[in-house]
Amino acid sequence: MAEMEKALATQIANIEKKTGKSLEQLTAAIGKCGKSKHGEIRSWLMETYGIGHGDANTLTHVALKSDGESAAKAAGATTDDVLNEIYSGKKEHQRPIHEKLMAAINGFGAFEVAPKKGYVSLRRKKQFAMLGPKTNDRFELGINLKDAVDHPLVNAVPPGGMCQYVAALTSPDQVDAKLIAVVKRAFEAAG
């Protein structure tokens, strides 16, 4: 976990260098920008400071303490509590897809699991995957990999998003060895 905290500190230091502003100055600017929603703030940071989507997203979470992990800690909740909230109600039936993916990914080696409000981010030095319910009926696995991917369920995403590829899943049976191999390539590339 200390390695992930170090990675976040490095990312924040790089953002400070790119923008010429300290974290405190950036946080104050966010407070005064007139935006309240995460996506609005992220877009404002990108436009105002010329930083990329990932840096703007991280900075928004840090400034607002709005990622699932920070919110959980503030409320005295555990990662399991956050997962139970993500997979509640009409999305509860998607938890087995999450569990099957995580069972395979846990065998890859060390990485950080960072629960957000509606999904889980998996990181090494950088994010290699995101997973969680996209809708009540569809689970989404986002994959960060610059290489070409040849899998019938994996589709390229237009540039500018959080991931280069997305696999829409509706059943744990769709989590096959080929899909896990794609995620493992992303894991290795993020290390």
C-alpha atoms as a PDB file:
ATOM      1  CA  MET A   1       0.000   0.000   0.000  1.00  0.00           C
ATOM      2  CA  ALA A   2       2.890   2.365   0.711  1.00  0.00           C
ATOM      3  CA  GLU A   3       3.953   1.918  -2.929  1.00  0.00           C
ATOM      4  CA  MET A   4       0.543   3.163  -4.086  1.00  0.00           C
ATOM      5  CA  GLU A   5       0.679   6.153  -1.756  1.00  0.00           C
ATOM      6  CA  LYS A   6       4.100   6.929  -3.226  1.00  0.00           C
ATOM      7  CA  ALA A   7       2.649   6.669  -6.753  1.00  0.00           C
ATOM      8  CA  LEU A   8      -0.138   9.110  -5.822  1.00  0.00           C
ATOM      9  CA  ALA A   9       2.394  11.514  -4.284  1.00  0.00           C
ATOM     10  CA  THR A  10       4.457  11.331  -7.481  1.00  0.00           C
ATOM     11  CA  GLN A  11       1.380  12.007  -9.614  1.00  0.00           C
ATOM     12  CA  ILE A  12       0.423  15.010  -7.458  1.00  0.00           C
ATOM     13  CA  ALA A  13       4.019  16.329  -7.662  1.00  0.00           C
ATOM     14  CA  ASN A  14       3.881  15.978 -11.460  1.00  0.00           C
ATOM     15  CA  ILE A  15       0.542  17.824 -11.575  1.00  0.00           C
ATOM     16  CA  GLU A  16       2.030  20.613  -9.455  1.00  0.00           C
ATOM     17  CA  LYS A  17       5.003  20.837 -11.822  1.00  0.00           C
ATOM     18  CA  LYS A  18       2.775  20.868 -14.942  1.00  0.00           C
ATOM     19  CA  THR A  19       0.449  23.535 -13.573  1.00  0.00           C
ATOM     20  CA  GLY A  20       2.959  25.602 -11.617  1.00  0.00           C
ATOM     21  CA  LYS A  21       0.530  25.466  -8.668  1.00  0.00           C
ATOM     22  CA  SER A  22       0.734  23.682  -5.304  1.00  0.00           C
ATOM     23  CA  LEU A  23      -1.913  21.168  -4.281  1.00  0.00           C
ATOM     24  CA  GLU A  24      -3.238  23.725  -1.818  1.00  0.00           C
ATOM     25  CA  GLN A  25      -3.535  26.356  -4.567  1.00  0.00           C
ATOM     26  CA  LEU A  26      -5.231  23.880  -6.911  1.00  0.00           C
ATOM     27  CA  THR A  27      -7.642  22.782  -4.181  1.00  0.00           C
ATOM     28  CA  ALA A  28      -8.495  26.423  -3.443  1.00  0.00           C
ATOM     29  CA  ALA A  29      -9.035  27.091  -7.166  1.00  0.00           C
ATOM     30  CA  ILE A  30     -11.385  24.116  -7.369  1.00  0.00           C
ATOM     31  CA  GLY A  31     -13.339  25.524  -4.420  1.00  0.00           C
ATOM     32  CA  LYS A  32     -13.714  28.856  -6.216  1.00  0.00           C
ATOM     33  CA  CYS A  33     -14.368  27.581  -9.764  1.00  0.00           C
ATOM     34  CA  GLY A  34     -18.148  27.481  -9.347  1.00  0.00           C
ATOM     35  CA  LYS A  35     -18.389  23.805 -10.327  1.00  0.00           C
ATOM     36  CA  SER A  36     -19.817  21.185  -7.988  1.00  0.00           C
ATOM     37  CA  LYS A  37     -20.049  17.917  -9.931  1.00  0.00           C
ATOM     38  CA  HIS A  38     -16.996  15.700 -10.323  1.00  0.00           C
ATOM     39  CA  GLY A  39     -17.152  15.638 -14.139  1.00  0.00           C
ATOM     40  CA  GLU A  40     -17.573  19.419 -14.344  1.00  0.00           C
ATOM     41  CA  ILE A  41     -14.558  19.987 -12.107  1.00  0.00           C
ATOM     42  CA  ARG A  42     -12.472  17.455 -14.030  1.00  0.00           C
ATOM     43  CA  SER A  43     -13.325  19.163 -17.340  1.00  0.00           C
ATOM     44  CA  TRP A  44     -12.610  22.581 -15.838  1.00  0.00           C
ATOM     45  CA  LEU A  45      -9.182  21.411 -14.641  1.00  0.00           C
ATOM     46  CA  MET A  46      -8.376  20.006 -18.081  1.00  0.00           C
ATOM     47  CA  GLU A  47      -9.386  23.241 -19.809  1.00  0.00           C
ATOM     48  CA  THR A  48      -7.894  25.633 -17.258  1.00  0.00           C
ATOM     49  CA  TYR A  49      -4.573  23.916 -16.596  1.00  0.00           C
ATOM     50  CA  GLY A  50      -4.097  21.778 -19.722  1.00  0.00           C
ATOM     51  CA  ILE A  51      -3.729  18.540 -17.796  1.00  0.00           C
ATOM     52  CA  GLY A  52      -4.939  15.158 -19.016  1.00  0.00           C
ATOM     53  CA  HIS A  53      -8.072  13.272 -18.021  1.00  0.00           C
ATOM     54  CA  GLY A  54      -6.300  10.957 -15.550  1.00  0.00           C
ATOM     55  CA  ASP A  55      -4.488  13.784 -13.758  1.00  0.00           C
ATOM     56  CA  ALA A  56      -7.646  15.922 -13.632  1.00  0.00           C
ATOM     57  CA  ASN A  57      -9.669  12.980 -12.327  1.00  0.00           C
ATOM     58  CA  THR A  58      -7.147  12.179  -9.606  1.00  0.00           C
ATOM     59  CA  LEU A  59      -6.830  15.836  -8.612  1.00  0.00           C
ATOM     60  CA  THR A  60     -10.619  16.148  -8.364  1.00  0.00           C
ATOM     61  CA  HIS A  61     -10.816  13.080  -6.115  1.00  0.00           C
ATOM     62  CA  VAL A  62      -7.947  14.290  -3.924  1.00  0.00           C
ATOM     63  CA  ALA A  63      -9.312  17.821  -3.600  1.00  0.00           C
ATOM     64  CA  LEU A  64     -12.854  16.685  -2.849  1.00  0.00           C
ATOM     65  CA  LYS A  65     -11.877  13.533  -0.939  1.00  0.00           C
ATOM     66  CA  SER A  66     -14.603  11.978  -3.057  1.00  0.00           C
ATOM     67  CA  ASP A  67     -13.211   8.629  -4.126  1.00  0.00           C
ATOM     68  CA  GLY A  68     -14.949   5.637  -2.583  1.00  0.00           C
ATOM     69  CA  GLU A  69     -11.972   4.736  -0.405  1.00  0.00           C
ATOM     70  CA  SER A  70     -11.702   8.215   1.157  1.00  0.00           C
ATOM     71  CA  ALA A  71     -15.461   8.411   1.647  1.00  0.00           C
ATOM     72  CA  ALA A  72     -15.466   4.942   3.213  1.00  0.00           C
ATOM     73  CA  LYS A  73     -12.639   5.831   5.606  1.00  0.00           C
ATOM     74  CA  ALA A  74     -14.398   9.056   6.603  1.00  0.00           C
ATOM     75  CA  ALA A  75     -17.559   7.075   7.346  1.00  0.00           C
ATOM     76  CA  GLY A  76     -15.670   4.286   9.137  1.00  0.00           C
ATOM     77  CA  ALA A  77     -16.593   1.804   6.397  1.00  0.00           C
ATOM     78  CA  THR A  78     -14.441  -0.950   4.893  1.00  0.00           C
ATOM     79  CA  THR A  79     -13.691  -1.756   1.255  1.00  0.00           C
ATOM     80  CA  ASP A  80     -16.257  -4.571   1.540  1.00  0.00           C
ATOM     81  CA  ASP A  81     -18.852  -2.032   2.679  1.00  0.00           C
ATOM     82  CA  VAL A  82     -18.130   0.036  -0.447  1.00  0.00           C
ATOM     83  CA  LEU A  83     -18.422  -3.060  -2.661  1.00  0.00           C
ATOM     84  CA  ASN A  84     -21.696  -3.989  -0.986  1.00  0.00           C
ATOM     85  CA  GLU A  85     -23.012  -0.527  -1.828  1.00  0.00           C
ATOM     86  CA  ILE A  86     -21.800  -0.715  -5.456  1.00  0.00           C
ATOM     87  CA  TYR A  87     -23.447  -4.117  -5.901  1.00  0.00           C
ATOM     88  CA  SER A  88     -26.738  -3.392  -4.175  1.00  0.00           C
ATOM     89  CA  GLY A  89     -30.310  -3.438  -5.375  1.00  0.00           C
ATOM     90  CA  LYS A  90     -30.752  -4.075  -9.092  1.00  0.00           C
ATOM     91  CA  LYS A  91     -26.958  -4.413  -9.557  1.00  0.00           C
ATOM     92  CA  GLU A  92     -26.475  -7.103  -6.908  1.00  0.00           C
ATOM     93  CA  HIS A  93     -26.609  -9.927  -9.473  1.00  0.00           C
ATOM     94  CA  GLN A  94     -23.399  -8.546 -11.089  1.00  0.00           C
ATOM     95  CA  ARG A  95     -21.222  -9.217  -8.023  1.00  0.00           C
ATOM     96  CA  PRO A  96     -20.286 -12.756  -9.208  1.00  0.00           C
ATOM     97  CA  ILE A  97     -18.700 -11.229 -12.343  1.00  0.00           C
ATOM     98  CA  HIS A  98     -16.619  -8.959 -10.110  1.00  0.00           C
ATOM     99  CA  GLU A  99     -15.640 -11.863  -7.859  1.00  0.00           C
ATOM    100  CA  LYS A 100     -14.592 -14.089 -10.761  1.00  0.00           C
ATOM    101  CA  LEU A 101     -12.432 -11.348 -12.265  1.00  0.00           C
ATOM    102  CA  MET A 102     -10.840 -10.498  -8.919  1.00  0.00           C
ATOM    103  CA  ALA A 103     -10.110 -14.152  -8.143  1.00  0.00           C
ATOM    104  CA  ALA A 104      -8.037 -14.347 -11.322  1.00  0.00           C
ATOM    105  CA  ILE A 105      -6.430 -10.896 -11.028  1.00  0.00           C
ATOM    106  CA  ASN A 106      -5.360 -11.483  -7.418  1.00  0.00           C
ATOM    107  CA  GLY A 107      -2.981 -14.152  -8.726  1.00  0.00           C
ATOM    108  CA  PHE A 108      -1.045 -11.648 -10.848  1.00  0.00           C
ATOM    109  CA  GLY A 109       0.901  -9.989  -8.015  1.00  0.00           C
ATOM    110  CA  ALA A 110       0.705  -6.839  -5.907  1.00  0.00           C
ATOM    111  CA  PHE A 111      -1.677  -4.034  -6.895  1.00  0.00           C
ATOM    112  CA  GLU A 112      -3.977  -1.498  -5.288  1.00  0.00           C
ATOM    113  CA  VAL A 113      -7.742  -1.876  -5.194  1.00  0.00           C
ATOM    114  CA  ALA A 114      -9.253   1.606  -5.079  1.00  0.00           C
ATOM    115  CA  PRO A 115     -13.036   1.545  -4.722  1.00  0.00           C
ATOM    116  CA  LYS A 116     -14.759   4.559  -6.226  1.00  0.00           C
ATOM    117  CA  LYS A 117     -18.426   5.459  -5.916  1.00  0.00           C
ATOM    118  CA  GLY A 118     -19.674   3.227  -8.738  1.00  0.00           C
ATOM    119  CA  TYR A 119     -16.710   1.055  -9.736  1.00  0.00           C
ATOM    120  CA  VAL A 120     -13.347  -0.288  -8.582  1.00  0.00           C
ATOM    121  CA  SER A 121     -10.023   0.960  -9.953  1.00  0.00           C
ATOM    122  CA  LEU A 122      -7.092  -1.462 -10.069  1.00  0.00           C
ATOM    123  CA  ARG A 123      -3.647   0.175 -10.046  1.00  0.00           C
ATOM    124  CA  ARG A 124       0.025  -0.598 -10.001  1.00  0.00           C
ATOM    125  CA  LYS A 125       2.170   2.400 -10.927  1.00  0.00           C
ATOM    126  CA  LYS A 126      -0.851   3.410 -12.996  1.00  0.00           C
ATOM    127  CA  GLN A 127      -4.387   2.147 -13.444  1.00  0.00           C
ATOM    128  CA  PHE A 128      -4.591  -1.044 -15.477  1.00  0.00           C
ATOM    129  CA  ALA A 129      -8.293  -1.866 -15.121  1.00  0.00           C
ATOM    130  CA  MET A 130     -11.629  -0.638 -13.813  1.00  0.00           C
ATOM    131  CA  LEU A 131     -14.581  -2.854 -13.084  1.00  0.00           C
ATOM    132  CA  GLY A 132     -18.114  -2.471 -11.943  1.00  0.00           C
ATOM    133  CA  PRO A 133     -21.734  -2.232 -12.995  1.00  0.00           C
ATOM    134  CA  LYS A 134     -22.294   0.134 -15.917  1.00  0.00           C
ATOM    135  CA  THR A 135     -26.082  -0.247 -15.862  1.00  0.00           C
ATOM    136  CA  ASN A 136     -28.505  -2.447 -13.946  1.00  0.00           C
ATOM    137  CA  ASP A 137     -28.017  -5.159 -16.584  1.00  0.00           C
ATOM    138  CA  ARG A 138     -24.438  -4.686 -17.783  1.00  0.00           C
ATOM    139  CA  PHE A 139     -21.089  -5.013 -16.059  1.00  0.00           C
ATOM    140  CA  GLU A 140     -18.137  -3.183 -17.579  1.00  0.00           C
ATOM    141  CA  LEU A 141     -14.466  -4.092 -17.492  1.00  0.00           C
ATOM    142  CA  GLY A 142     -12.246  -1.207 -18.592  1.00  0.00           C
ATOM    143  CA  ILE A 143      -8.720  -2.125 -19.665  1.00  0.00           C
ATOM    144  CA  ASN A 144      -5.731   0.194 -20.064  1.00  0.00           C
ATOM    145  CA  LEU A 145      -3.477  -1.321 -22.689  1.00  0.00           C
ATOM    146  CA  LYS A 146      -1.786   0.343 -25.630  1.00  0.00           C
ATOM    147  CA  ASP A 147      -1.350  -2.937 -27.541  1.00  0.00           C
ATOM    148  CA  ALA A 148      -4.000  -4.317 -29.865  1.00  0.00           C
ATOM    149  CA  VAL A 149      -6.540  -6.608 -28.225  1.00  0.00           C
ATOM    150  CA  ASP A 150      -8.123  -9.543 -30.011  1.00  0.00           C
ATOM    151  CA  HIS A 151     -11.099 -10.726 -27.982  1.00  0.00           C
ATOM    152  CA  PRO A 152     -14.722 -10.815 -29.180  1.00  0.00           C
ATOM    153  CA  LEU A 153     -16.029  -8.988 -26.075  1.00  0.00           C
ATOM    154  CA  VAL A 154     -13.315  -6.313 -25.920  1.00  0.00           C
ATOM    155  CA  ASN A 155     -13.880  -3.111 -27.884  1.00  0.00           C
ATOM    156  CA  ALA A 156     -11.622  -0.102 -28.383  1.00  0.00           C
ATOM    157  CA  VAL A 157     -12.782   3.169 -26.842  1.00  0.00           C
ATOM    158  CA  PRO A 158     -12.240   6.582 -28.468  1.00  0.00           C
ATOM    159  CA  PRO A 159      -9.199   8.451 -27.097  1.00  0.00           C
ATOM    160  CA  GLY A 160      -9.637  10.685 -24.069  1.00  0.00           C
ATOM    161  CA  GLY A 161     -11.382   8.289 -21.707  1.00  0.00           C
ATOM    162  CA  MET A 162     -10.147   6.455 -18.655  1.00  0.00           C
ATOM    163  CA  CYS A 163      -9.441   3.222 -20.568  1.00  0.00           C
ATOM    164  CA  GLN A 164      -8.436   2.213 -24.075  1.00  0.00           C
ATOM    165  CA  TYR A 165     -10.694  -0.872 -24.132  1.00  0.00           C
ATOM    166  CA  VAL A 166     -14.002  -1.938 -22.616  1.00  0.00           C
ATOM    167  CA  ALA A 167     -15.613  -5.344 -22.273  1.00  0.00           C
ATOM    168  CA  ALA A 168     -19.353  -5.369 -21.573  1.00  0.00           C
ATOM    169  CA  LEU A 169     -20.208  -8.471 -19.565  1.00  0.00           C
ATOM    170  CA  THR A 170     -23.517  -9.919 -18.459  1.00  0.00           C
ATOM    171  CA  SER A 171     -22.392 -13.238 -16.934  1.00  0.00           C
ATOM    172  CA  PRO A 172     -19.415 -14.664 -15.022  1.00  0.00           C
ATOM    173  CA  ASP A 173     -19.203 -17.320 -17.763  1.00  0.00           C
ATOM    174  CA  GLN A 174     -17.882 -14.623 -20.121  1.00  0.00           C
ATOM    175  CA  VAL A 175     -14.766 -14.264 -17.958  1.00  0.00           C
ATOM    176  CA  ASP A 176     -12.624 -16.732 -19.895  1.00  0.00           C
ATOM    177  CA  ALA A 177      -8.879 -17.443 -20.011  1.00  0.00           C
ATOM    178  CA  LYS A 178      -8.420 -15.165 -23.044  1.00  0.00           C
ATOM    179  CA  LEU A 179     -10.046 -12.218 -21.263  1.00  0.00           C
ATOM    180  CA  ILE A 180      -7.926 -12.814 -18.163  1.00  0.00           C
ATOM    181  CA  ALA A 181      -4.819 -12.931 -20.401  1.00  0.00           C
ATOM    182  CA  VAL A 182      -5.714  -9.479 -21.779  1.00  0.00           C
ATOM    183  CA  VAL A 183      -6.091  -8.097 -18.240  1.00  0.00           C
ATOM    184  CA  LYS A 184      -2.764  -9.687 -17.261  1.00  0.00           C
ATOM    185  CA  ARG A 185      -1.042  -7.886 -20.176  1.00  0.00           C
ATOM    186  CA  ALA A 186      -2.507  -4.617 -18.887  1.00  0.00           C
ATOM    187  CA  PHE A 187      -1.348  -5.470 -15.353  1.00  0.00           C
ATOM    188  CA  GLU A 188       2.193  -6.109 -16.575  1.00  0.00           C
ATOM    189  CA  ALA A 189       2.257  -2.928 -18.654  1.00  0.00           C
ATOM    190  CA  ALA A 190       1.188  -0.849 -15.637  1.00  0.00           C
ATOM    191  CA  GLY A 191       4.025  -2.066 -13.413  1.00  0.00           C
END
